[in-house]
Protein backbone atom coordinates (compact mmCIF):
# COMPACT_ATOMS: atom_id res chain seq x y z
CA MET A 1 63.65 65.83 119.69
CA PRO A 2 65.69 66.92 116.79
CA ARG A 3 65.98 70.24 118.45
CA VAL A 4 67.62 68.28 121.62
CA LEU A 5 69.95 66.49 119.58
CA LEU A 6 71.08 69.39 117.66
CA ILE A 7 71.67 71.28 121.19
CA VAL A 8 73.47 68.40 122.73
CA LEU A 9 75.75 68.12 119.23
CA PHE A 10 76.52 71.54 119.62
CA LEU A 11 77.37 71.32 123.44
CA LEU A 12 79.87 68.40 122.38
CA ILE A 13 81.40 70.17 119.97
CA GLU A 14 82.18 73.15 122.03
CA ALA A 15 83.36 70.93 124.98
CA THR A 16 86.28 69.35 122.75
CA ALA A 17 87.17 73.11 121.63
CA LEU A 18 87.70 73.90 125.27
CA CYS A 19 89.82 70.64 126.05
CA SER A 20 91.76 71.12 123.40
CA GLY A 21 93.41 74.15 124.69
CA ALA A 22 95.29 76.85 122.57
CA GLU A 23 97.05 75.71 119.22
CA PRO A 24 100.31 77.03 118.46
CA ASN A 25 100.50 79.53 115.32
CA VAL A 26 101.63 77.56 112.31
CA GLU A 27 103.08 79.90 109.63
CA VAL A 28 101.64 78.44 106.28
CA PHE A 29 103.51 80.66 104.08
CA PRO A 30 107.47 81.33 104.50
CA ALA A 31 108.82 84.07 106.45
CA ALA A 32 111.22 85.33 103.52
CA PRO A 33 109.69 87.55 101.23
CA TYR A 34 111.40 86.01 98.39
CA ASP A 35 109.68 82.85 99.17
CA ARG A 36 106.51 84.60 99.70
CA HIS A 37 106.97 86.20 96.45
CA ILE A 38 107.41 83.00 94.74
CA ILE A 39 104.31 81.37 96.32
CA TYR A 40 102.31 84.11 95.19
CA GLN A 41 103.41 84.28 91.26
CA ALA A 42 103.07 80.28 91.30
CA LEU A 43 99.19 80.79 92.59
CA ILE A 44 98.79 84.15 90.16
CA PHE A 45 100.20 81.79 86.97
CA PHE A 46 98.13 78.97 88.39
CA TRP A 47 94.36 80.75 88.18
CA ILE A 48 95.33 82.66 84.84
CA GLY A 49 95.52 79.13 83.44
CA ILE A 50 92.61 78.24 85.13
CA ILE A 51 90.57 81.06 83.80
CA GLY A 52 92.35 80.47 80.45
CA LEU A 53 91.27 76.55 80.19
CA ILE A 54 87.54 77.88 80.95
CA VAL A 55 87.46 80.41 78.43
CA ILE A 56 89.08 77.77 75.69
CA ILE A 57 86.33 75.41 76.73
CA ALA A 58 83.66 77.91 76.55
CA MET A 59 84.72 79.25 72.94
CA LYS A 60 84.84 75.11 71.85
CA LEU A 61 81.20 74.76 72.83
CA ARG A 62 80.35 78.00 71.11
CA GLU A 63 81.90 76.37 67.95
CA ILE A 64 80.25 73.23 68.19
CA LYS A 65 76.57 75.10 68.84
CA ARG A 66 77.60 76.94 65.55
CA VAL A 67 78.05 74.10 63.58
CA GLN A 68 75.15 72.46 64.81
CA ASN A 69 73.28 75.20 63.93
CA MET A 70 74.69 74.83 60.65
CA GLY A 71 73.54 71.78 59.82
CA ILE A 72 77.48 70.57 59.00
CA ASP A 73 77.53 67.44 61.19
CA GLU A 74 74.73 66.19 59.44
CA GLU A 75 75.28 63.46 56.71
CA GLU A 76 73.62 64.11 53.31
CA LYS A 77 71.70 61.27 52.05
CA ASN A 78 72.23 62.05 48.20
CA ALA A 79 76.16 62.38 48.80
CA PRO A 80 78.79 60.86 46.45
CA PHE A 81 81.21 58.50 47.27
CA LEU A 82 84.75 59.31 46.24
CA ASP A 83 86.25 55.90 45.15
């Protein structure tokens, strides 16, 4: 039963793709080389920023783990109060 349903679904998808005809090509990036350069440059800066954020988060997590291993985050029981 599931196999028949899968075949029918596949045939429906193929039938709709055949009926739609050829779609015109739509340019995603502009044709001018200068504009393309600006888009690629913006993408490069975006991915450098994402990688930088991942590195900063990894460094902070490593620092938190180091502080927890040293036991600095725990409160001492006999610590004097500074009034």
